[in-house]
Amino acid sequence: MPLVGMDWSQTGVAHLFSAIKENDYELLFLSARSISQAYHTRQFLINLKQNGKALPDGPIVISPDGLLPSLFREVIRRAPHEFKIACLEDIKALFPSDCNPFYAGFGNRDTDEISYLKVGIPKGKIFIINPKGEVAVHRCVDTKSYTSLHALVHGMFPIRPSSEQEDFNSWNYWKLPPPEIKL
């Protein structure tokens, strides 16, 4: 839609996501759009600016399928969650089994909620935004918007400790074991 001059971004999204990032959370952008739409999706996210705030950096994960299979899955079958669940489960598998790397999820469809629940995101941390900009948490529509959620950001996304966990900091992960010396 941005190609034809329509702005379909929700007011306040850049400000809210920037505040979440400032509290030391990483953002992942996930879309069931086809790989052929990757460039335009990336450009939309990178260029989204609202009141001097841009969306924070984060990986953008898009379906590796072509345009027709992606459209068929999303529009005809109405099952974009099949790709999203598989993708999120693959990402989760990269972490220790007792760790869930996903803290919260934002989406604009009921199928996003299905995806997030499947990978263990708590119901109270799944935010589905309808076309009017209203937030639904656990399918209960609230009059809150991205802008009003910003006022609650420190309660919902408390500042994470700045010291990295010793077992998983970059030094411990990448350091080489000491050489073995035989005496």
C-alpha atoms as a PDB file:
ATOM      1  CA  MET A   1       0.000   0.000   0.000  1.00  0.00           C
ATOM      2  CA  PRO A   2       2.831   2.501   0.585  1.00  0.00           C
ATOM      3  CA  LEU A   3       3.617   2.180  -3.138  1.00  0.00           C
ATOM      4  CA  VAL A   4       0.267   3.815  -3.954  1.00  0.00           C
ATOM      5  CA  GLY A   5       0.515   6.438  -1.235  1.00  0.00           C
ATOM      6  CA  MET A   6      -1.474   4.717   1.517  1.00  0.00           C
ATOM      7  CA  ASP A   7       0.048   4.683   4.982  1.00  0.00           C
ATOM      8  CA  TRP A   8      -1.119   1.617   6.847  1.00  0.00           C
ATOM      9  CA  SER A   9       1.148   2.050   9.847  1.00  0.00           C
ATOM     10  CA  GLN A  10      -0.490   2.447  13.223  1.00  0.00           C
ATOM     11  CA  THR A  11       0.057   5.736  15.043  1.00  0.00           C
ATOM     12  CA  GLY A  12       2.589   5.437  17.858  1.00  0.00           C
ATOM     13  CA  VAL A  13       4.152   2.127  16.801  1.00  0.00           C
ATOM     14  CA  ALA A  14       7.642   3.602  16.282  1.00  0.00           C
ATOM     15  CA  HIS A  15       7.572   5.351  19.666  1.00  0.00           C
ATOM     16  CA  LEU A  16       6.383   2.211  21.505  1.00  0.00           C
ATOM     17  CA  PHE A  17       8.829  -0.175  19.831  1.00  0.00           C
ATOM     18  CA  SER A  18      11.689   2.286  20.397  1.00  0.00           C
ATOM     19  CA  ALA A  19      10.851   2.418  24.117  1.00  0.00           C
ATOM     20  CA  ILE A  20      10.773  -1.390  24.256  1.00  0.00           C
ATOM     21  CA  LYS A  21      14.177  -1.528  22.553  1.00  0.00           C
ATOM     22  CA  GLU A  22      15.524   1.092  25.008  1.00  0.00           C
ATOM     23  CA  ASN A  23      14.566  -1.313  27.828  1.00  0.00           C
ATOM     24  CA  ASP A  24      17.012  -3.807  26.273  1.00  0.00           C
ATOM     25  CA  TYR A  25      14.615  -6.060  24.374  1.00  0.00           C
ATOM     26  CA  GLU A  26      15.419  -7.236  20.849  1.00  0.00           C
ATOM     27  CA  LEU A  27      12.767  -6.972  18.170  1.00  0.00           C
ATOM     28  CA  LEU A  28      12.123  -9.501  15.428  1.00  0.00           C
ATOM     29  CA  PHE A  29       9.878  -8.581  12.519  1.00  0.00           C
ATOM     30  CA  LEU A  30       8.047 -11.612  11.114  1.00  0.00           C
ATOM     31  CA  SER A  31       5.871 -11.699   8.023  1.00  0.00           C
ATOM     32  CA  ALA A  32       4.305 -14.481   5.972  1.00  0.00           C
ATOM     33  CA  ARG A  33       4.786 -12.340   2.872  1.00  0.00           C
ATOM     34  CA  SER A  34       6.689 -13.930   0.028  1.00  0.00           C
ATOM     35  CA  ILE A  35      10.405 -13.551  -0.519  1.00  0.00           C
ATOM     36  CA  SER A  36       9.597 -11.489  -3.627  1.00  0.00           C
ATOM     37  CA  GLN A  37       8.168  -8.827  -1.315  1.00  0.00           C
ATOM     38  CA  ALA A  38      11.246  -8.755   0.938  1.00  0.00           C
ATOM     39  CA  TYR A  39      12.745  -5.569  -0.476  1.00  0.00           C
ATOM     40  CA  HIS A  40       9.532  -3.544  -0.184  1.00  0.00           C
ATOM     41  CA  THR A  41       8.783  -4.920   3.282  1.00  0.00           C
ATOM     42  CA  ARG A  42      12.278  -4.062   4.482  1.00  0.00           C
ATOM     43  CA  GLN A  43      12.102  -0.570   2.967  1.00  0.00           C
ATOM     44  CA  PHE A  44       8.718   0.047   4.599  1.00  0.00           C
ATOM     45  CA  LEU A  45      10.047  -0.930   8.036  1.00  0.00           C
ATOM     46  CA  ILE A  46      13.333   0.942   7.680  1.00  0.00           C
ATOM     47  CA  ASN A  47      11.665   4.122   6.443  1.00  0.00           C
ATOM     48  CA  LEU A  48       8.791   4.190   8.935  1.00  0.00           C
ATOM     49  CA  LYS A  49       9.229   7.351  10.971  1.00  0.00           C
ATOM     50  CA  GLN A  50       6.694   8.896  13.304  1.00  0.00           C
ATOM     51  CA  ASN A  51       7.254  12.105  15.262  1.00  0.00           C
ATOM     52  CA  GLY A  52      11.019  11.829  14.954  1.00  0.00           C
ATOM     53  CA  LYS A  53      11.142   8.146  15.949  1.00  0.00           C
ATOM     54  CA  ALA A  54      11.990   5.288  13.622  1.00  0.00           C
ATOM     55  CA  LEU A  55      11.339   1.619  14.138  1.00  0.00           C
ATOM     56  CA  PRO A  56      14.307   0.051  15.932  1.00  0.00           C
ATOM     57  CA  ASP A  57      16.617  -2.293  14.078  1.00  0.00           C
ATOM     58  CA  GLY A  58      15.847  -5.979  14.182  1.00  0.00           C
ATOM     59  CA  PRO A  59      15.933  -8.995  11.922  1.00  0.00           C
ATOM     60  CA  ILE A  60      13.187  -9.168   9.326  1.00  0.00           C
ATOM     61  CA  VAL A  61      12.071 -12.745   8.667  1.00  0.00           C
ATOM     62  CA  ILE A  62       9.959 -13.381   5.588  1.00  0.00           C
ATOM     63  CA  SER A  63       8.593 -16.545   4.023  1.00  0.00           C
ATOM     64  CA  PRO A  64      11.016 -18.154   1.565  1.00  0.00           C
ATOM     65  CA  ASP A  65       8.038 -19.127  -0.610  1.00  0.00           C
ATOM     66  CA  GLY A  66       7.223 -17.406  -3.867  1.00  0.00           C
ATOM     67  CA  LEU A  67       4.374 -14.961  -4.382  1.00  0.00           C
ATOM     68  CA  LEU A  68       1.685 -17.452  -5.435  1.00  0.00           C
ATOM     69  CA  PRO A  69       2.256 -20.048  -2.682  1.00  0.00           C
ATOM     70  CA  SER A  70       2.398 -17.251  -0.069  1.00  0.00           C
ATOM     71  CA  LEU A  71      -0.786 -15.616  -1.354  1.00  0.00           C
ATOM     72  CA  PHE A  72      -2.529 -18.984  -1.517  1.00  0.00           C
ATOM     73  CA  ARG A  73      -1.538 -19.755   2.097  1.00  0.00           C
ATOM     74  CA  GLU A  74      -2.475 -16.312   3.402  1.00  0.00           C
ATOM     75  CA  VAL A  75      -5.483 -15.262   1.311  1.00  0.00           C
ATOM     76  CA  ILE A  76      -7.171 -18.476   0.136  1.00  0.00           C
ATOM     77  CA  ARG A  77      -6.361 -20.894   2.960  1.00  0.00           C
ATOM     78  CA  ARG A  78      -6.114 -18.113   5.604  1.00  0.00           C
ATOM     79  CA  ALA A  79      -3.269 -19.957   7.308  1.00  0.00           C
ATOM     80  CA  PRO A  80      -0.228 -17.639   7.550  1.00  0.00           C
ATOM     81  CA  HIS A  81       0.298 -19.036  11.042  1.00  0.00           C
ATOM     82  CA  GLU A  82       1.598 -22.291   9.536  1.00  0.00           C
ATOM     83  CA  PHE A  83       4.709 -20.495   8.282  1.00  0.00           C
ATOM     84  CA  LYS A  84       4.993 -18.284  11.372  1.00  0.00           C
ATOM     85  CA  ILE A  85       4.765 -21.175  13.840  1.00  0.00           C
ATOM     86  CA  ALA A  86       7.388 -23.193  11.959  1.00  0.00           C
ATOM     87  CA  CYS A  87       9.675 -20.159  11.746  1.00  0.00           C
ATOM     88  CA  LEU A  88       9.313 -19.235  15.430  1.00  0.00           C
ATOM     89  CA  GLU A  89       9.839 -22.849  16.510  1.00  0.00           C
ATOM     90  CA  ASP A  90      13.050 -22.996  14.446  1.00  0.00           C
ATOM     91  CA  ILE A  91      14.303 -19.814  16.117  1.00  0.00           C
ATOM     92  CA  LYS A  92      13.321 -21.099  19.559  1.00  0.00           C
ATOM     93  CA  ALA A  93      15.251 -24.330  18.897  1.00  0.00           C
ATOM     94  CA  LEU A  94      18.459 -22.276  18.635  1.00  0.00           C
ATOM     95  CA  PHE A  95      18.242 -21.529  22.374  1.00  0.00           C
ATOM     96  CA  PRO A  96      18.641 -23.848  25.364  1.00  0.00           C
ATOM     97  CA  SER A  97      15.520 -25.962  25.916  1.00  0.00           C
ATOM     98  CA  ASP A  98      14.748 -24.288  29.253  1.00  0.00           C
ATOM     99  CA  CYS A  99      14.814 -20.806  27.671  1.00  0.00           C
ATOM    100  CA  ASN A 100      12.040 -19.099  25.731  1.00  0.00           C
ATOM    101  CA  PRO A 101      13.575 -16.265  23.699  1.00  0.00           C
ATOM    102  CA  PHE A 102      10.148 -14.742  23.019  1.00  0.00           C
ATOM    103  CA  TYR A 103       8.813 -12.307  25.599  1.00  0.00           C
ATOM    104  CA  ALA A 104       5.838 -10.751  23.795  1.00  0.00           C
ATOM    105  CA  GLY A 105       4.209 -10.636  20.395  1.00  0.00           C
ATOM    106  CA  PHE A 106       2.474  -7.953  18.370  1.00  0.00           C
ATOM    107  CA  GLY A 107       0.317  -8.702  15.364  1.00  0.00           C
ATOM    108  CA  ASN A 108      -2.707  -7.644  13.390  1.00  0.00           C
ATOM    109  CA  ARG A 109      -4.551 -10.948  12.896  1.00  0.00           C
ATOM    110  CA  ASP A 110      -6.027 -13.673  15.067  1.00  0.00           C
ATOM    111  CA  THR A 111      -3.631 -16.114  13.417  1.00  0.00           C
ATOM    112  CA  ASP A 112      -0.737 -14.133  14.949  1.00  0.00           C
ATOM    113  CA  GLU A 113      -2.128 -14.956  18.378  1.00  0.00           C
ATOM    114  CA  ILE A 114      -2.253 -18.652  17.428  1.00  0.00           C
ATOM    115  CA  SER A 115       1.409 -18.484  16.363  1.00  0.00           C
ATOM    116  CA  TYR A 116       2.565 -16.757  19.531  1.00  0.00           C
ATOM    117  CA  LEU A 117       0.655 -19.084  21.852  1.00  0.00           C
ATOM    118  CA  LYS A 118       2.179 -22.100  20.099  1.00  0.00           C
ATOM    119  CA  VAL A 119       5.733 -20.950  20.937  1.00  0.00           C
ATOM    120  CA  GLY A 120       4.940 -20.205  24.570  1.00  0.00           C
ATOM    121  CA  ILE A 121       4.317 -16.477  24.696  1.00  0.00           C
ATOM    122  CA  PRO A 122       1.939 -15.822  27.609  1.00  0.00           C
ATOM    123  CA  LYS A 123      -1.602 -14.731  26.692  1.00  0.00           C
ATOM    124  CA  GLY A 124      -1.164 -11.425  28.518  1.00  0.00           C
ATOM    125  CA  LYS A 125       1.874 -10.541  26.376  1.00  0.00           C
ATOM    126  CA  ILE A 126       0.171 -11.007  22.996  1.00  0.00           C
ATOM    127  CA  PHE A 127      -1.132  -7.774  21.504  1.00  0.00           C
ATOM    128  CA  ILE A 128      -3.350  -7.900  18.418  1.00  0.00           C
ATOM    129  CA  ILE A 129      -4.067  -4.524  16.873  1.00  0.00           C
ATOM    130  CA  ASN A 130      -7.227  -4.184  14.779  1.00  0.00           C
ATOM    131  CA  PRO A 131      -7.538  -1.830  11.756  1.00  0.00           C
ATOM    132  CA  LYS A 132      -8.938   0.922  14.016  1.00  0.00           C
ATOM    133  CA  GLY A 133      -5.729   0.837  16.077  1.00  0.00           C
ATOM    134  CA  GLU A 134      -7.386  -0.762  19.116  1.00  0.00           C
ATOM    135  CA  VAL A 135      -5.441  -3.306  21.119  1.00  0.00           C
ATOM    136  CA  ALA A 136      -6.861  -6.731  21.872  1.00  0.00           C
ATOM    137  CA  VAL A 137      -5.213  -8.806  24.570  1.00  0.00           C
ATOM    138  CA  HIS A 138      -6.489 -12.391  24.749  1.00  0.00           C
ATOM    139  CA  ARG A 139      -9.224 -11.475  22.241  1.00  0.00           C
ATOM    140  CA  CYS A 140     -10.605  -8.763  24.536  1.00  0.00           C
ATOM    141  CA  VAL A 141     -10.593  -5.453  22.682  1.00  0.00           C
ATOM    142  CA  ASP A 142      -9.442  -2.541  24.760  1.00  0.00           C
ATOM    143  CA  THR A 143      -9.499   1.096  23.806  1.00  0.00           C
ATOM    144  CA  LYS A 144      -5.743   1.232  24.208  1.00  0.00           C
ATOM    145  CA  SER A 145      -3.571   1.986  21.227  1.00  0.00           C
ATOM    146  CA  TYR A 146       0.150   1.874  20.572  1.00  0.00           C
ATOM    147  CA  THR A 147       0.284   5.405  21.943  1.00  0.00           C
ATOM    148  CA  SER A 148      -1.457   4.546  25.201  1.00  0.00           C
ATOM    149  CA  LEU A 149       0.572   1.325  25.563  1.00  0.00           C
ATOM    150  CA  HIS A 150       3.688   3.499  25.581  1.00  0.00           C
ATOM    151  CA  ALA A 151       2.640   4.859  28.984  1.00  0.00           C
ATOM    152  CA  LEU A 152       2.693   1.272  30.310  1.00  0.00           C
ATOM    153  CA  VAL A 153       5.937   0.207  28.626  1.00  0.00           C
ATOM    154  CA  HIS A 154       8.064   0.109  31.791  1.00  0.00           C
ATOM    155  CA  GLY A 155       5.499  -2.088  33.543  1.00  0.00           C
ATOM    156  CA  MET A 156       4.975  -4.473  30.631  1.00  0.00           C
ATOM    157  CA  PHE A 157       8.600  -4.441  29.454  1.00  0.00           C
ATOM    158  CA  PRO A 158      10.674  -3.772  32.577  1.00  0.00           C
ATOM    159  CA  ILE A 159      14.224  -2.632  32.024  1.00  0.00           C
ATOM    160  CA  ARG A 160      16.403  -5.698  31.732  1.00  0.00           C
ATOM    161  CA  PRO A 161      19.603  -5.858  33.750  1.00  0.00           C
ATOM    162  CA  SER A 162      22.498  -4.538  31.706  1.00  0.00           C
ATOM    163  CA  SER A 163      24.913  -7.228  32.863  1.00  0.00           C
ATOM    164  CA  GLU A 164      24.781 -10.228  30.592  1.00  0.00           C
ATOM    165  CA  GLN A 165      24.222 -13.654  31.993  1.00  0.00           C
ATOM    166  CA  GLU A 166      27.681 -15.122  32.609  1.00  0.00           C
ATOM    167  CA  ASP A 167      27.054 -18.426  30.815  1.00  0.00           C
ATOM    168  CA  PHE A 168      25.849 -16.769  27.625  1.00  0.00           C
ATOM    169  CA  ASN A 169      27.772 -13.522  27.248  1.00  0.00           C
ATOM    170  CA  SER A 170      29.736 -12.923  24.061  1.00  0.00           C
ATOM    171  CA  TRP A 171      33.099 -13.404  25.747  1.00  0.00           C
ATOM    172  CA  ASN A 172      32.260 -16.872  27.103  1.00  0.00           C
ATOM    173  CA  TYR A 173      30.601 -17.931  23.879  1.00  0.00           C
ATOM    174  CA  TRP A 174      33.418 -16.960  21.510  1.00  0.00           C
ATOM    175  CA  LYS A 175      36.520 -17.409  23.662  1.00  0.00           C
ATOM    176  CA  LEU A 176      38.816 -20.266  22.828  1.00  0.00           C
ATOM    177  CA  PRO A 177      39.545 -22.846  25.511  1.00  0.00           C
ATOM    178  CA  PRO A 178      43.017 -22.488  27.040  1.00  0.00           C
ATOM    179  CA  PRO A 179      45.649 -24.570  25.248  1.00  0.00           C
ATOM    180  CA  GLU A 180      46.484 -27.862  26.866  1.00  0.00           C
ATOM    181  CA  ILE A 181      50.066 -27.855  28.139  1.00  0.00           C
ATOM    182  CA  LYS A 182      51.769 -31.122  28.991  1.00  0.00           C
ATOM    183  CA  LEU A 183      54.462 -30.905  31.606  1.00  0.00           C
END
